[in-house]
Amino acid sequence: MNRRFAILASVATVWVGAPVFAADVARKYGPGVSDTEITIGQTMPYSGAYSAAGAIGRTESAYFKTINAHGGINGRRVRFISLDDEYSPSKTLEQTRRLVEQEDVLAIVGSFGTPTNAAIQKYLNERCVPQLFIQAGASRWNDPMHFPWTMPLVDLLRSEAKLYAGNHPG
């Protein structure tokens, strides 16, 4: 179990801890980061037609509770706020605005779905809020020129289709 935790803590440090190290040097923190806490947000369909995907958010919440139980990230507790968006783009935008404007999150992390993430992509990029590890496979997520603050978690569907069809390089 200790080895597993060490691996999870390493991943978490890379995942959300990198901005914290830069903040340590300057001792001036941006949104969602303090001496004691890192606040990140997400929306997830906990209700509605795609509520089964809510298991992803519950798993991620448990992950951050484990990180916090073992001292957090660089001594900071992770405050993970995951809100129900019902897999509705308008609800996703409403909940994301709440996370950014009221909860002052560092980033939106691990949100589910192409239509829901598409509804918030422009909003987050205009405000320079990282939209990280989104769980959607459309090729639109591979556009760092226009959306530098957006990064998917899963491989793009086009790449996946090529692998299944046997048209992969090498």
N, C-alpha and C. Protein backbone atom coordinates (compact mmCIF):
# COMPACT_ATOMS: atom_id res chain seq x y z
N MET A 1 0.82 -1.19 0.00
CA MET A 1 0.00 0.00 0.00
C MET A 1 0.87 1.26 0.00
N ASN A 2 1.99 1.25 0.72
CA ASN A 2 2.86 2.42 0.76
C ASN A 2 3.42 2.74 -0.61
N ARG A 3 3.78 1.72 -1.37
CA ARG A 3 4.31 1.94 -2.72
C ARG A 3 3.24 2.55 -3.61
N ARG A 4 2.02 2.04 -3.50
CA ARG A 4 0.91 2.57 -4.29
C ARG A 4 0.67 4.04 -3.94
N PHE A 5 0.69 4.35 -2.65
CA PHE A 5 0.49 5.74 -2.25
C PHE A 5 1.61 6.63 -2.79
N ALA A 6 2.84 6.14 -2.73
CA ALA A 6 3.97 6.94 -3.24
C ALA A 6 3.78 7.25 -4.72
N ILE A 7 3.30 6.28 -5.48
CA ILE A 7 3.05 6.49 -6.90
C ILE A 7 1.93 7.50 -7.09
N LEU A 8 0.84 7.34 -6.33
CA LEU A 8 -0.29 8.29 -6.44
C LEU A 8 0.14 9.69 -6.04
N ALA A 9 0.93 9.79 -4.98
CA ALA A 9 1.38 11.12 -4.56
C ALA A 9 2.27 11.76 -5.61
N SER A 10 3.10 10.96 -6.26
CA SER A 10 3.96 11.50 -7.32
C SER A 10 3.13 12.02 -8.47
N VAL A 11 2.13 11.24 -8.87
CA VAL A 11 1.25 11.66 -9.96
C VAL A 11 0.51 12.92 -9.57
N ALA A 12 0.02 12.97 -8.35
CA ALA A 12 -0.71 14.16 -7.90
C ALA A 12 0.18 15.39 -7.89
N THR A 13 1.42 15.21 -7.49
CA THR A 13 2.34 16.33 -7.46
C THR A 13 2.54 16.89 -8.85
N VAL A 14 2.69 16.01 -9.82
CA VAL A 14 2.85 16.47 -11.20
C VAL A 14 1.54 17.04 -11.71
N TRP A 15 0.42 16.39 -11.34
CA TRP A 15 -0.89 16.76 -11.86
C TRP A 15 -1.30 18.16 -11.41
N VAL A 16 -1.30 18.42 -10.12
CA VAL A 16 -1.75 19.73 -9.65
C VAL A 16 -0.70 20.47 -8.85
N GLY A 17 0.43 19.87 -8.59
CA GLY A 17 1.43 20.49 -7.75
C GLY A 17 2.39 21.39 -8.46
N ALA A 18 2.57 21.23 -9.76
CA ALA A 18 3.56 22.03 -10.48
C ALA A 18 3.34 23.52 -10.32
N PRO A 19 2.11 24.04 -10.44
CA PRO A 19 1.93 25.48 -10.25
C PRO A 19 2.27 25.92 -8.83
N VAL A 20 2.14 25.02 -7.87
CA VAL A 20 2.42 25.35 -6.48
C VAL A 20 3.91 25.62 -6.29
N PHE A 21 4.78 24.83 -6.92
CA PHE A 21 6.22 25.03 -6.76
C PHE A 21 6.63 26.42 -7.26
N ALA A 22 6.09 26.85 -8.37
CA ALA A 22 6.40 28.19 -8.88
C ALA A 22 5.91 29.25 -7.89
N ALA A 23 4.76 29.01 -7.30
CA ALA A 23 4.21 29.96 -6.33
C ALA A 23 5.08 30.02 -5.08
N ASP A 24 5.67 28.89 -4.67
CA ASP A 24 6.54 28.88 -3.51
C ASP A 24 7.69 29.86 -3.67
N VAL A 25 8.27 29.90 -4.86
CA VAL A 25 9.42 30.77 -5.11
C VAL A 25 9.04 32.23 -4.92
N ALA A 26 7.93 32.64 -5.48
CA ALA A 26 7.53 34.05 -5.43
C ALA A 26 6.80 34.41 -4.13
N ARG A 27 6.24 33.39 -3.43
CA ARG A 27 5.46 33.62 -2.23
C ARG A 27 4.25 34.50 -2.51
N LYS A 28 3.81 34.50 -3.73
CA LYS A 28 2.62 35.23 -4.13
C LYS A 28 1.77 34.23 -4.90
N TYR A 29 0.59 33.96 -4.39
CA TYR A 29 -0.23 32.90 -4.96
C TYR A 29 -1.33 33.46 -5.84
N GLY A 30 -1.68 32.67 -6.83
CA GLY A 30 -2.79 33.00 -7.70
C GLY A 30 -4.06 32.36 -7.18
N PRO A 31 -5.10 32.38 -8.00
CA PRO A 31 -6.37 31.79 -7.60
C PRO A 31 -6.21 30.31 -7.22
N GLY A 32 -6.90 29.92 -6.16
CA GLY A 32 -6.96 28.52 -5.78
C GLY A 32 -5.76 27.97 -5.04
N VAL A 33 -4.80 28.81 -4.68
CA VAL A 33 -3.61 28.32 -3.98
C VAL A 33 -3.31 29.22 -2.79
N SER A 34 -3.08 28.60 -1.65
CA SER A 34 -2.65 29.34 -0.45
C SER A 34 -1.51 28.55 0.19
N ASP A 35 -1.04 29.02 1.32
CA ASP A 35 0.01 28.30 2.04
C ASP A 35 -0.46 26.93 2.49
N THR A 36 -1.76 26.76 2.67
CA THR A 36 -2.27 25.52 3.24
C THR A 36 -3.19 24.71 2.32
N GLU A 37 -3.59 25.28 1.18
CA GLU A 37 -4.63 24.62 0.38
C GLU A 37 -4.48 24.86 -1.11
N ILE A 38 -4.88 23.85 -1.88
CA ILE A 38 -5.01 23.95 -3.33
C ILE A 38 -6.47 23.63 -3.65
N THR A 39 -7.16 24.53 -4.32
CA THR A 39 -8.56 24.30 -4.64
C THR A 39 -8.71 24.03 -6.13
N ILE A 40 -9.25 22.87 -6.45
CA ILE A 40 -9.53 22.52 -7.84
C ILE A 40 -10.99 22.13 -7.96
N GLY A 41 -11.53 22.28 -9.16
CA GLY A 41 -12.94 22.01 -9.38
C GLY A 41 -13.19 21.10 -10.55
N GLN A 42 -14.40 20.65 -10.63
CA GLN A 42 -14.83 19.80 -11.74
C GLN A 42 -16.35 19.77 -11.77
N THR A 43 -16.88 19.48 -12.95
CA THR A 43 -18.30 19.16 -13.06
C THR A 43 -18.38 17.72 -13.55
N MET A 44 -19.46 17.05 -13.16
CA MET A 44 -19.62 15.64 -13.47
C MET A 44 -21.12 15.33 -13.48
N PRO A 45 -21.56 14.41 -14.34
CA PRO A 45 -22.99 14.06 -14.35
C PRO A 45 -23.35 13.09 -13.23
N TYR A 46 -23.64 13.61 -12.05
CA TYR A 46 -24.04 12.76 -10.94
C TYR A 46 -25.52 12.39 -11.03
N SER A 47 -26.27 13.12 -11.84
CA SER A 47 -27.67 12.81 -12.07
C SER A 47 -27.94 12.92 -13.57
N GLY A 48 -29.09 12.45 -13.98
CA GLY A 48 -29.44 12.51 -15.39
C GLY A 48 -29.05 11.24 -16.15
N ALA A 49 -29.17 11.32 -17.47
CA ALA A 49 -29.00 10.16 -18.34
C ALA A 49 -27.61 9.54 -18.27
N TYR A 50 -26.59 10.32 -18.00
CA TYR A 50 -25.21 9.81 -17.96
C TYR A 50 -24.68 9.71 -16.53
N SER A 51 -25.57 9.54 -15.56
CA SER A 51 -25.16 9.54 -14.16
C SER A 51 -24.18 8.43 -13.81
N ALA A 52 -24.13 7.37 -14.60
CA ALA A 52 -23.15 6.31 -14.33
C ALA A 52 -21.72 6.85 -14.37
N ALA A 53 -21.49 7.88 -15.19
CA ALA A 53 -20.16 8.49 -15.28
C ALA A 53 -19.80 9.23 -13.99
N GLY A 54 -20.77 9.48 -13.15
CA GLY A 54 -20.50 10.11 -11.86
C GLY A 54 -19.54 9.30 -11.00
N ALA A 55 -19.43 8.01 -11.30
CA ALA A 55 -18.47 7.17 -10.58
C ALA A 55 -17.05 7.69 -10.75
N ILE A 56 -16.78 8.32 -11.89
CA ILE A 56 -15.45 8.90 -12.13
C ILE A 56 -15.19 10.00 -11.11
N GLY A 57 -16.14 10.88 -10.93
CA GLY A 57 -15.98 11.98 -9.97
C GLY A 57 -15.87 11.47 -8.54
N ARG A 58 -16.65 10.45 -8.19
CA ARG A 58 -16.56 9.90 -6.84
C ARG A 58 -15.19 9.25 -6.62
N THR A 59 -14.65 8.61 -7.64
CA THR A 59 -13.33 7.99 -7.54
C THR A 59 -12.26 9.06 -7.38
N GLU A 60 -12.35 10.13 -8.17
CA GLU A 60 -11.38 11.22 -8.06
C GLU A 60 -11.45 11.89 -6.69
N SER A 61 -12.65 12.03 -6.16
CA SER A 61 -12.82 12.61 -4.82
C SER A 61 -12.13 11.72 -3.77
N ALA A 62 -12.32 10.42 -3.88
CA ALA A 62 -11.67 9.49 -2.95
C ALA A 62 -10.15 9.57 -3.08
N TYR A 63 -9.67 9.74 -4.29
CA TYR A 63 -8.23 9.87 -4.54
C TYR A 63 -7.67 11.08 -3.78
N PHE A 64 -8.33 12.22 -3.89
CA PHE A 64 -7.84 13.41 -3.20
C PHE A 64 -7.98 13.29 -1.68
N LYS A 65 -8.98 12.58 -1.20
CA LYS A 65 -9.09 12.34 0.25
C LYS A 65 -7.90 11.51 0.72
N THR A 66 -7.49 10.55 -0.09
CA THR A 66 -6.32 9.74 0.25
C THR A 66 -5.06 10.60 0.27
N ILE A 67 -4.91 11.44 -0.74
CA ILE A 67 -3.75 12.36 -0.79
C ILE A 67 -3.73 13.23 0.46
N ASN A 68 -4.88 13.78 0.83
CA ASN A 68 -4.96 14.64 2.01
C ASN A 68 -4.66 13.87 3.29
N ALA A 69 -5.11 12.62 3.37
CA ALA A 69 -4.87 11.80 4.56
C ALA A 69 -3.38 11.52 4.76
N HIS A 70 -2.62 11.64 3.68
CA HIS A 70 -1.18 11.40 3.75
C HIS A 70 -0.37 12.70 3.66
N GLY A 71 -0.97 13.80 4.05
CA GLY A 71 -0.22 15.05 4.13
C GLY A 71 -0.44 16.02 2.99
N GLY A 72 -1.27 15.68 2.02
CA GLY A 72 -1.55 16.59 0.91
C GLY A 72 -0.44 16.65 -0.11
N ILE A 73 -0.36 17.74 -0.81
CA ILE A 73 0.65 17.95 -1.84
C ILE A 73 1.56 19.08 -1.36
N ASN A 74 2.80 18.75 -1.14
CA ASN A 74 3.77 19.74 -0.66
C ASN A 74 3.24 20.42 0.61
N GLY A 75 2.58 19.63 1.47
CA GLY A 75 2.04 20.15 2.72
C GLY A 75 0.71 20.86 2.59
N ARG A 76 0.17 20.94 1.40
CA ARG A 76 -1.11 21.62 1.18
C ARG A 76 -2.24 20.61 1.03
N ARG A 77 -3.36 20.89 1.66
CA ARG A 77 -4.56 20.08 1.53
C ARG A 77 -5.20 20.39 0.18
N VAL A 78 -5.70 19.36 -0.51
CA VAL A 78 -6.41 19.56 -1.77
C VAL A 78 -7.89 19.68 -1.45
N ARG A 79 -8.45 20.81 -1.82
CA ARG A 79 -9.90 21.02 -1.70
C ARG A 79 -10.47 20.76 -3.08
N PHE A 80 -11.13 19.62 -3.22
CA PHE A 80 -11.67 19.17 -4.50
C PHE A 80 -13.18 19.38 -4.49
N ILE A 81 -13.66 20.26 -5.38
CA ILE A 81 -15.08 20.59 -5.44
C ILE A 81 -15.62 20.03 -6.75
N SER A 82 -16.49 19.03 -6.64
CA SER A 82 -17.07 18.39 -7.81
C SER A 82 -18.58 18.60 -7.79
N LEU A 83 -19.10 19.29 -8.80
CA LEU A 83 -20.51 19.67 -8.85
C LEU A 83 -21.26 18.92 -9.95
N ASP A 84 -22.51 18.65 -9.71
CA ASP A 84 -23.36 17.96 -10.67
C ASP A 84 -23.74 18.88 -11.83
N ASP A 85 -23.47 18.42 -13.06
CA ASP A 85 -23.88 19.19 -14.24
C ASP A 85 -24.98 18.50 -15.04
N GLU A 86 -25.41 17.32 -14.57
CA GLU A 86 -26.49 16.56 -15.22
C GLU A 86 -26.20 16.24 -16.68
N TYR A 87 -24.96 16.38 -17.12
CA TYR A 87 -24.53 16.22 -18.52
C TYR A 87 -25.30 17.18 -19.42
N SER A 88 -25.52 18.38 -18.91
CA SER A 88 -26.22 19.43 -19.63
C SER A 88 -25.24 20.59 -19.84
N PRO A 89 -24.91 20.93 -21.10
CA PRO A 89 -23.94 22.00 -21.35
C PRO A 89 -24.27 23.31 -20.64
N SER A 90 -25.54 23.70 -20.59
CA SER A 90 -25.88 24.96 -19.92
C SER A 90 -25.64 24.85 -18.41
N LYS A 91 -25.94 23.71 -17.84
CA LYS A 91 -25.70 23.49 -16.41
C LYS A 91 -24.19 23.43 -16.13
N THR A 92 -23.42 22.84 -17.07
CA THR A 92 -21.97 22.78 -16.92
C THR A 92 -21.39 24.19 -16.89
N LEU A 93 -21.84 25.05 -17.78
CA LEU A 93 -21.36 26.43 -17.80
C LEU A 93 -21.72 27.15 -16.50
N GLU A 94 -22.94 26.97 -16.04
CA GLU A 94 -23.39 27.58 -14.79
C GLU A 94 -22.52 27.12 -13.61
N GLN A 95 -22.30 25.81 -13.50
CA GLN A 95 -21.51 25.27 -12.39
C GLN A 95 -20.03 25.67 -12.50
N THR A 96 -19.52 25.73 -13.72
CA THR A 96 -18.12 26.13 -13.92
C THR A 96 -17.93 27.59 -13.54
N ARG A 97 -18.87 28.43 -13.90
CA ARG A 97 -18.79 29.84 -13.48
C ARG A 97 -18.79 29.95 -11.96
N ARG A 98 -19.59 29.14 -11.32
CA ARG A 98 -19.60 29.12 -9.85
C ARG A 98 -18.22 28.72 -9.31
N LEU A 99 -17.63 27.69 -9.89
CA LEU A 99 -16.32 27.23 -9.43
C LEU A 99 -15.24 28.30 -9.62
N VAL A 100 -15.27 28.98 -10.76
CA VAL A 100 -14.24 29.98 -11.07
C VAL A 100 -14.49 31.29 -10.31
N GLU A 101 -15.71 31.76 -10.33
CA GLU A 101 -16.01 33.09 -9.81
C GLU A 101 -16.31 33.13 -8.31
N GLN A 102 -16.84 32.03 -7.77
CA GLN A 102 -17.18 32.03 -6.35
C GLN A 102 -16.22 31.18 -5.52
N GLU A 103 -15.84 30.03 -6.04
CA GLU A 103 -14.95 29.13 -5.30
C GLU A 103 -13.48 29.42 -5.56
N ASP A 104 -13.19 30.21 -6.60
CA ASP A 104 -11.83 30.65 -6.90
C ASP A 104 -10.86 29.48 -7.11
N VAL A 105 -11.25 28.52 -7.96
CA VAL A 105 -10.44 27.34 -8.18
C VAL A 105 -9.18 27.65 -8.99
N LEU A 106 -8.15 26.84 -8.77
CA LEU A 106 -6.92 26.92 -9.55
C LEU A 106 -7.16 26.42 -10.97
N ALA A 107 -7.93 25.32 -11.09
CA ALA A 107 -8.15 24.69 -12.39
C ALA A 107 -9.43 23.87 -12.34
N ILE A 108 -9.93 23.56 -13.53
CA ILE A 108 -11.01 22.60 -13.70
C ILE A 108 -10.33 21.32 -14.16
N VAL A 109 -10.56 20.22 -13.45
CA VAL A 109 -9.80 18.99 -13.67
C VAL A 109 -10.73 17.79 -13.83
N GLY A 110 -10.55 17.04 -14.91
CA GLY A 110 -11.20 15.75 -15.07
C GLY A 110 -12.67 15.77 -15.40
N SER A 111 -13.20 16.86 -15.93
CA SER A 111 -14.62 16.91 -16.28
C SER A 111 -14.93 15.96 -17.44
N PHE A 112 -16.17 15.49 -17.48
CA PHE A 112 -16.57 14.43 -18.40
C PHE A 112 -17.44 14.96 -19.54
N GLY A 113 -17.13 14.52 -20.78
CA GLY A 113 -18.02 14.70 -21.91
C GLY A 113 -17.62 15.78 -22.90
N THR A 114 -17.84 15.50 -24.17
CA THR A 114 -17.52 16.46 -25.22
C THR A 114 -18.46 17.67 -25.20
N PRO A 115 -19.79 17.49 -25.18
CA PRO A 115 -20.65 18.68 -25.23
C PRO A 115 -20.51 19.56 -23.98
N THR A 116 -20.29 18.96 -22.84
CA THR A 116 -20.18 19.74 -21.61
C THR A 116 -18.85 20.50 -21.56
N ASN A 117 -17.77 19.85 -21.95
CA ASN A 117 -16.47 20.54 -21.97
C ASN A 117 -16.42 21.61 -23.06
N ALA A 118 -17.09 21.35 -24.18
CA ALA A 118 -17.14 22.35 -25.25
C ALA A 118 -17.85 23.62 -24.77
N ALA A 119 -18.84 23.45 -23.90
CA ALA A 119 -19.59 24.60 -23.40
C ALA A 119 -18.76 25.51 -22.51
N ILE A 120 -17.68 25.00 -21.93
CA ILE A 120 -16.87 25.80 -21.01
C ILE A 120 -15.48 26.13 -21.54
N GLN A 121 -15.10 25.55 -22.66
CA GLN A 121 -13.74 25.71 -23.17
C GLN A 121 -13.38 27.18 -23.42
N LYS A 122 -14.19 27.90 -24.14
CA LYS A 122 -13.89 29.30 -24.45
C LYS A 122 -13.88 30.15 -23.17
N TYR A 123 -14.86 29.95 -22.32
CA TYR A 123 -14.94 30.68 -21.05
C TYR A 123 -13.65 30.51 -20.24
N LEU A 124 -13.20 29.26 -20.07
CA LEU A 124 -12.00 29.00 -19.27
C LEU A 124 -10.75 29.55 -19.93
N ASN A 125 -10.61 29.38 -21.24
CA ASN A 125 -9.43 29.87 -21.93
C ASN A 125 -9.36 31.40 -21.93
N GLU A 126 -10.48 32.08 -22.04
CA GLU A 126 -10.49 33.54 -21.97
C GLU A 126 -10.02 34.03 -20.61
N ARG A 127 -10.26 33.24 -19.57
CA ARG A 127 -9.89 33.63 -18.21
C ARG A 127 -8.58 32.99 -17.76
N CYS A 128 -7.92 32.27 -18.67
CA CYS A 128 -6.64 31.60 -18.37
C CYS A 128 -6.75 30.64 -17.19
N VAL A 129 -7.88 29.93 -17.13
CA VAL A 129 -8.09 28.91 -16.11
C VAL A 129 -7.82 27.56 -16.77
N PRO A 130 -6.86 26.79 -16.26
CA PRO A 130 -6.57 25.49 -16.87
C PRO A 130 -7.78 24.56 -16.86
N GLN A 131 -8.00 23.94 -18.01
CA GLN A 131 -9.05 22.93 -18.19
C GLN A 131 -8.28 21.64 -18.47
N LEU A 132 -7.95 20.91 -17.41
CA LEU A 132 -7.00 19.81 -17.50
C LEU A 132 -7.64 18.43 -17.43
N PHE A 133 -7.04 17.51 -18.15
CA PHE A 133 -7.39 16.09 -18.10
C PHE A 133 -8.87 15.85 -18.32
N ILE A 134 -9.43 16.61 -19.29
CA ILE A 134 -10.85 16.42 -19.60
C ILE A 134 -11.05 15.03 -20.18
N GLN A 135 -12.18 14.46 -19.86
CA GLN A 135 -12.48 13.10 -20.28
C GLN A 135 -13.46 13.14 -21.45
N ALA A 136 -12.89 13.46 -22.60
CA ALA A 136 -13.64 13.54 -23.84
C ALA A 136 -12.66 13.28 -24.98
N GLY A 137 -13.10 12.60 -26.02
CA GLY A 137 -12.15 12.17 -27.04
C GLY A 137 -12.22 12.87 -28.38
N ALA A 138 -13.05 13.87 -28.54
CA ALA A 138 -13.16 14.54 -29.84
C ALA A 138 -11.84 15.22 -30.22
N SER A 139 -11.56 15.30 -31.49
CA SER A 139 -10.30 15.88 -31.96
C SER A 139 -10.22 17.39 -31.69
N ARG A 140 -11.32 18.03 -31.36
CA ARG A 140 -11.32 19.46 -31.07
C ARG A 140 -10.44 19.81 -29.87
N TRP A 141 -10.15 18.84 -29.00
CA TRP A 141 -9.35 19.10 -27.81
C TRP A 141 -7.87 19.23 -28.13
N ASN A 142 -7.47 18.84 -29.32
CA ASN A 142 -6.07 18.94 -29.73
C ASN A 142 -5.88 20.23 -30.53
N ASP A 143 -6.04 21.37 -29.88
CA ASP A 143 -5.93 22.68 -30.53
C ASP A 143 -5.24 23.68 -29.60
N PRO A 144 -3.97 23.43 -29.27
CA PRO A 144 -3.29 24.32 -28.33
C PRO A 144 -3.07 25.73 -28.86
N MET A 145 -3.12 25.90 -30.17
CA MET A 145 -2.95 27.24 -30.74
C MET A 145 -4.11 28.15 -30.33
N HIS A 146 -5.33 27.63 -30.38
CA HIS A 146 -6.50 28.43 -30.05
C HIS A 146 -6.96 28.28 -28.61
N PHE A 147 -6.65 27.13 -28.01
CA PHE A 147 -7.09 26.85 -26.63
C PHE A 147 -5.92 26.32 -25.82
N PRO A 148 -4.97 27.19 -25.49
CA PRO A 148 -3.76 26.73 -24.79
C PRO A 148 -3.99 26.28 -23.35
N TRP A 149 -5.14 26.58 -22.79
CA TRP A 149 -5.41 26.22 -21.40
C TRP A 149 -6.20 24.91 -21.29
N THR A 150 -6.43 24.23 -22.43
CA THR A 150 -7.21 22.99 -22.46
C THR A 150 -6.30 21.81 -22.77
N MET A 151 -6.43 20.74 -21.99
CA MET A 151 -5.64 19.53 -22.23
C MET A 151 -6.48 18.29 -21.90
N PRO A 152 -6.65 17.39 -22.88
CA PRO A 152 -7.44 16.18 -22.62
C PRO A 152 -6.66 15.14 -21.82
N LEU A 153 -7.39 14.21 -21.24
CA LEU A 153 -6.78 13.08 -20.55
C LEU A 153 -6.71 11.88 -21.48
N VAL A 154 -7.82 11.58 -22.11
CA VAL A 154 -7.90 10.38 -22.95
C VAL A 154 -7.33 10.63 -24.33
N ASP A 155 -6.89 9.56 -24.97
CA ASP A 155 -6.40 9.66 -26.34
C ASP A 155 -7.56 10.08 -27.25
N LEU A 156 -7.24 10.83 -28.25
CA LEU A 156 -8.27 11.30 -29.16
C LEU A 156 -8.92 10.14 -29.91
N LEU A 157 -10.20 10.25 -30.18
CA LEU A 157 -10.94 9.18 -30.83
C LEU A 157 -10.36 8.81 -32.19
N ARG A 158 -9.86 9.80 -32.94
CA ARG A 158 -9.28 9.53 -34.25
C ARG A 158 -8.05 8.61 -34.12
N SER A 159 -7.20 8.89 -33.14
CA SER A 159 -6.02 8.05 -32.91
C SER A 159 -6.44 6.66 -32.48
N GLU A 160 -7.43 6.59 -31.64
CA GLU A 160 -7.92 5.31 -31.17
C GLU A 160 -8.49 4.49 -32.33
N ALA A 161 -9.22 5.13 -33.21
CA ALA A 161 -9.78 4.43 -34.37
C ALA A 161 -8.68 3.88 -35.27
N LYS A 162 -7.62 4.65 -35.46
CA LYS A 162 -6.50 4.17 -36.27
C LYS A 162 -5.86 2.94 -35.65
N LEU A 163 -5.74 2.93 -34.34
CA LEU A 163 -5.16 1.77 -33.68
C LEU A 163 -6.04 0.54 -33.85
N TYR A 164 -7.32 0.73 -33.69
CA TYR A 164 -8.24 -0.40 -33.85
C TYR A 164 -8.23 -0.91 -35.29
N ALA A 165 -8.07 0.00 -36.23
CA ALA A 165 -8.07 -0.39 -37.65
C ALA A 165 -6.72 -0.92 -38.10
N GLY A 166 -5.70 -0.80 -37.26
CA GLY A 166 -4.39 -1.33 -37.62
C GLY A 166 -3.56 -0.35 -38.44
N ASN A 167 -3.93 0.91 -38.49
CA ASN A 167 -3.21 1.92 -39.26
C ASN A 167 -2.33 2.78 -38.38
N HIS A 168 -1.67 2.16 -37.45
CA HIS A 168 -0.82 2.94 -36.54
C HIS A 168 0.60 3.01 -37.10
N PRO A 169 1.30 4.08 -36.77
CA PRO A 169 2.68 4.24 -37.28
C PRO A 169 3.61 3.21 -36.64
N GLY A 170 4.67 2.90 -37.39
CA GLY A 170 5.75 2.10 -36.86
C GLY A 170 5.55 0.67 -36.96
